């Protein structure tokens, strides 16, 4: 039997373009441009991504062990990974932070939902928003998403990311930050942050780059099930 996960996403004013999947920190600085001209690659047409039903879009994992319905407007979806679905909203105002979450299943029990998020630093430069997603970043621990249980239906409310959590970041000296900015854009970019006493001021910022959901449970035969949803909020303006 299939498992159905419902995501009801509230409206949240965020930004101009979805960010791309983050990678681990590297020695050389890599900056991602998230201007309005950037685009998210569409999955292969042979891979069934989604089907629309009244009020939502069903997005399938490749093994179809779990299907969830999200109330988004034509999101960009990558479902080529067997256990993880990546979502980039096409609307600038949609987020998972504080969203209602419903899971329905007649084949999986003992369902638990946990949430985590990642923040990155970035800079607004020459009319574009650039995130340093391969530089330093903060990743929160997994926090349980609480809700009520039913026989086949579980209702949750995703944890809301506070302003403080949205701006949490590892300790960084201004010398480190200015060096990173200089490596990216040279003297013209460095000029924008030369008077900064913290990352989160003037043309530079810290913001949530990705929101993660981990969904675990057990099938009736005792087999463990773990699936992930990775949501990339829009960043910039």
Protein backbone atom coordinates (compact mmCIF):
# COMPACT_ATOMS: atom_id res chain seq x y z
CA UNK A 1 0.00 0.00 0.00
CA UNK A 2 1.13 3.58 -0.55
CA UNK A 3 1.78 6.12 2.15
CA UNK A 4 0.48 9.66 1.68
CA UNK A 5 2.15 12.73 3.17
CA UNK A 6 0.31 16.03 3.02
CA UNK A 7 2.15 19.35 3.27
CA UNK A 8 0.02 22.47 3.67
CA UNK A 9 2.34 25.42 3.18
CA UNK A 10 1.54 28.91 4.54
CA UNK A 11 2.47 32.11 2.75
CA UNK A 12 5.81 33.64 3.73
CA UNK A 13 7.53 36.61 2.04
CA UNK A 14 11.05 35.46 1.31
CA UNK A 15 12.81 36.24 -1.90
CA UNK A 16 13.42 36.09 -5.60
CA UNK A 17 14.72 32.63 -6.50
CA UNK A 18 15.12 29.17 -5.03
CA UNK A 19 18.61 28.09 -4.05
CA UNK A 20 20.28 24.89 -5.27
CA UNK A 21 21.24 21.82 -3.19
CA UNK A 22 24.08 22.57 -0.75
CA UNK A 23 27.36 20.71 -0.77
CA UNK A 24 29.99 20.24 1.90
CA UNK A 25 32.50 22.98 2.67
CA UNK A 26 35.48 23.04 0.33
CA UNK A 27 38.88 24.73 0.48
CA UNK A 28 38.10 27.00 -2.45
CA UNK A 29 35.17 29.38 -2.30
CA UNK A 30 32.27 28.60 -4.61
CA UNK A 31 29.48 31.12 -4.87
CA UNK A 32 26.05 30.35 -6.19
CA UNK A 33 24.24 33.00 -8.14
CA UNK A 34 20.50 32.95 -7.47
CA UNK A 35 19.41 35.78 -9.71
CA UNK A 36 16.02 35.73 -11.38
CA UNK A 37 17.68 34.47 -14.57
CA UNK A 38 18.83 31.20 -12.99
CA UNK A 39 16.76 28.05 -13.50
CA UNK A 40 16.32 24.66 -11.88
CA UNK A 41 16.84 21.72 -14.22
CA UNK A 42 13.70 19.74 -14.89
CA UNK A 43 13.76 15.99 -14.10
CA UNK A 44 13.81 13.51 -16.96
CA UNK A 45 10.41 13.28 -18.62
CA UNK A 46 10.45 9.50 -18.23
CA UNK A 47 10.53 9.82 -14.44
CA UNK A 48 7.02 10.37 -13.01
CA UNK A 49 7.43 13.45 -10.83
CA UNK A 50 3.96 14.45 -9.87
CA UNK A 51 0.28 14.33 -10.60
CA UNK A 52 -2.16 17.05 -9.73
CA UNK A 53 -5.27 16.53 -7.71
CA UNK A 54 -7.74 19.04 -6.31
CA UNK A 55 -5.91 21.29 -3.88
CA UNK A 56 -2.42 19.82 -4.25
CA UNK A 57 0.32 18.02 -6.17
CA UNK A 58 1.25 14.39 -5.48
CA UNK A 59 5.02 13.86 -5.60
CA UNK A 60 6.27 10.29 -5.82
CA UNK A 61 9.46 8.69 -4.58
CA UNK A 62 10.87 6.38 -7.27
CA UNK A 63 9.84 3.25 -5.34
CA UNK A 64 6.42 4.81 -4.63
CA UNK A 65 6.67 3.57 -1.05
CA UNK A 66 5.61 7.04 0.02
CA UNK A 67 3.72 9.74 -1.81
CA UNK A 68 3.08 13.18 -0.39
CA UNK A 69 0.85 15.99 -1.49
CA UNK A 70 2.16 19.55 -1.22
CA UNK A 71 0.05 22.63 -1.70
CA UNK A 72 2.50 24.55 -3.88
CA UNK A 73 2.11 26.26 -7.22
CA UNK A 74 4.01 24.16 -9.78
CA UNK A 75 7.18 23.61 -7.72
CA UNK A 76 10.42 22.45 -9.30
CA UNK A 77 10.90 18.85 -8.10
CA UNK A 78 13.85 16.46 -8.23
CA UNK A 79 12.72 12.97 -7.26
CA UNK A 80 15.52 10.96 -8.86
CA UNK A 81 17.01 10.00 -5.48
CA UNK A 82 15.27 6.88 -4.11
CA UNK A 83 14.81 8.24 -0.59
CA UNK A 84 14.98 12.03 -0.89
CA UNK A 85 12.82 14.54 -2.70
CA UNK A 86 14.19 18.04 -3.36
CA UNK A 87 11.68 20.88 -3.75
CA UNK A 88 12.24 24.40 -5.08
CA UNK A 89 9.11 26.59 -4.89
CA UNK A 90 8.15 28.54 -7.99
CA UNK A 91 6.26 31.03 -5.83
CA UNK A 92 8.46 33.38 -3.81
CA UNK A 93 6.18 33.32 -0.78
CA UNK A 94 6.07 29.62 0.19
CA UNK A 95 7.97 27.88 2.98
CA UNK A 96 7.94 24.82 5.21
CA UNK A 97 8.61 26.88 8.32
CA UNK A 98 5.47 26.61 10.46
CA UNK A 99 3.61 24.60 7.80
CA UNK A 100 0.84 22.14 8.65
CA UNK A 101 1.79 18.55 7.93
CA UNK A 102 -0.50 15.52 7.55
CA UNK A 103 0.57 11.94 7.02
CA UNK A 104 -1.81 9.15 6.10
CA UNK A 105 -0.81 5.52 5.87
CA UNK A 106 -2.34 2.08 6.17
CA UNK A 107 1.00 0.29 5.64
CA UNK A 108 3.48 2.21 7.85
CA UNK A 109 3.20 2.60 11.63
CA UNK A 110 5.19 4.32 14.40
CA UNK A 111 5.71 7.35 12.19
CA UNK A 112 8.03 10.08 13.47
CA UNK A 113 8.75 13.40 11.75
CA UNK A 114 11.85 15.45 12.54
CA UNK A 115 13.02 18.79 11.17
CA UNK A 116 16.37 20.49 10.68
CA UNK A 117 17.59 23.55 8.78
CA UNK A 118 20.78 24.99 7.34
CA UNK A 119 21.87 28.62 7.18
CA UNK A 120 24.44 30.21 4.87
CA UNK A 121 26.03 33.61 4.35
CA UNK A 122 25.60 35.66 1.22
CA UNK A 123 25.95 39.05 -0.42
CA UNK A 124 23.80 41.24 -2.62
CA UNK A 125 26.10 42.30 -5.44
CA UNK A 126 25.45 44.01 -8.76
CA UNK A 127 21.71 43.48 -8.51
CA UNK A 128 21.96 39.77 -7.74
CA UNK A 129 21.74 37.69 -4.58
CA UNK A 130 24.67 35.32 -4.13
CA UNK A 131 24.90 32.64 -1.44
CA UNK A 132 28.23 31.13 -0.38
CA UNK A 133 26.81 27.64 -0.02
CA UNK A 134 30.19 25.89 -0.24
CA UNK A 135 31.76 28.09 2.43
CA UNK A 136 30.94 27.84 6.14
CA UNK A 137 27.38 27.08 7.24
CA UNK A 138 25.29 26.24 10.29
CA UNK A 139 23.19 23.05 10.43
CA UNK A 140 20.75 22.61 13.29
CA UNK A 141 20.17 19.29 15.04
CA UNK A 142 17.07 17.22 14.36
CA UNK A 143 14.06 18.46 16.31
CA UNK A 144 10.90 16.41 16.64
CA UNK A 145 7.82 17.78 14.92
CA UNK A 146 4.94 17.25 17.33
CA UNK A 147 1.38 16.34 16.43
CA UNK A 148 -1.56 14.07 17.15
CA UNK A 149 -1.87 10.46 16.06
CA UNK A 150 -4.82 8.63 14.61
CA UNK A 151 -5.42 5.16 13.30
CA UNK A 152 -4.33 6.01 9.76
CA UNK A 153 -3.87 9.78 9.95
CA UNK A 154 -1.23 11.86 11.71
CA UNK A 155 -1.39 15.67 11.87
CA UNK A 156 1.69 17.80 12.60
CA UNK A 157 2.79 21.41 12.58
CA UNK A 158 6.30 21.98 11.24
CA UNK A 159 8.55 23.88 13.60
CA UNK A 160 8.70 27.58 12.83
CA UNK A 161 12.23 28.88 12.30
CA UNK A 162 12.68 31.94 14.51
CA UNK A 163 14.58 35.07 13.46
CA UNK A 164 17.37 34.01 15.83
CA UNK A 165 17.60 30.53 14.28
CA UNK A 166 17.41 31.99 10.78
CA UNK A 167 20.57 34.00 11.53
CA UNK A 168 22.60 31.41 13.48
CA UNK A 169 26.06 30.86 12.04
CA UNK A 170 29.49 29.56 13.08
CA UNK A 171 31.92 32.02 14.66
CA UNK A 172 33.63 33.90 11.84
CA UNK A 173 36.05 36.83 12.07
CA UNK A 174 35.49 39.84 9.84
CA UNK A 175 38.88 39.15 8.29
CA UNK A 176 37.66 35.69 7.21
CA UNK A 177 34.41 37.08 5.85
CA UNK A 178 36.02 39.95 3.96
CA UNK A 179 38.57 37.57 2.47
CA UNK A 180 35.74 35.35 1.23
CA UNK A 181 33.91 38.33 -0.27
CA UNK A 182 37.11 39.59 -1.87
CA UNK A 183 37.82 36.19 -3.41
CA UNK A 184 34.33 36.24 -4.89
CA UNK A 185 33.99 39.74 -6.29
CA UNK A 186 37.31 41.51 -5.84
CA UNK A 187 37.67 45.08 -4.64
CA UNK A 188 34.24 46.18 -5.88
CA UNK A 189 32.47 43.54 -3.75
CA UNK A 190 34.78 44.13 -0.79
CA UNK A 191 33.85 47.81 -0.86
CA UNK A 192 30.28 46.84 0.11
CA UNK A 193 31.34 45.17 3.35
CA UNK A 194 34.45 47.13 4.31
CA UNK A 195 32.70 48.72 7.32
CA UNK A 196 30.93 45.55 8.50
CA UNK A 197 31.26 44.58 12.12
CA UNK A 198 29.21 41.41 11.51
CA UNK A 199 28.19 39.32 8.49
CA UNK A 200 24.53 40.17 8.87
CA UNK A 201 24.60 43.85 7.89
CA UNK A 202 24.94 46.18 4.91
CA UNK A 203 25.08 44.16 1.65
CA UNK A 204 25.82 40.82 3.35
CA UNK A 205 23.44 38.53 5.20
CA UNK A 206 22.79 35.18 6.89
CA UNK A 207 19.63 33.26 6.00
CA UNK A 208 18.03 29.83 5.89
CA UNK A 209 19.24 27.94 2.84
CA UNK A 210 17.45 24.59 3.27
CA UNK A 211 14.78 22.98 5.47
CA UNK A 212 14.96 19.22 5.98
CA UNK A 213 12.29 16.74 7.07
CA UNK A 214 13.15 13.20 8.14
CA UNK A 215 10.21 10.78 8.18
CA UNK A 216 10.72 7.39 9.80
CA UNK A 217 8.42 4.47 10.49
CA UNK A 218 8.02 0.72 10.18
CA UNK A 219 6.15 -1.41 7.70
CA UNK A 220 3.90 -4.17 9.00
CA UNK A 221 6.64 -6.73 8.36
CA UNK A 222 8.98 -4.78 10.69
CA UNK A 223 11.07 -3.21 7.93
CA UNK A 224 12.27 0.30 8.79
CA UNK A 225 11.35 3.16 6.45
CA UNK A 226 13.27 6.45 6.28
CA UNK A 227 12.45 9.18 3.77
CA UNK A 228 13.58 12.79 3.46
CA UNK A 229 12.17 16.01 2.06
CA UNK A 230 14.61 18.86 1.32
CA UNK A 231 12.99 22.24 0.73
CA UNK A 232 14.98 25.22 -0.59
CA UNK A 233 13.31 28.53 0.29
CA UNK A 234 13.61 31.45 -2.10
CA UNK A 235 16.54 33.73 -1.20
CA UNK A 236 17.11 37.34 -2.11
CA UNK A 237 14.89 40.10 -3.42
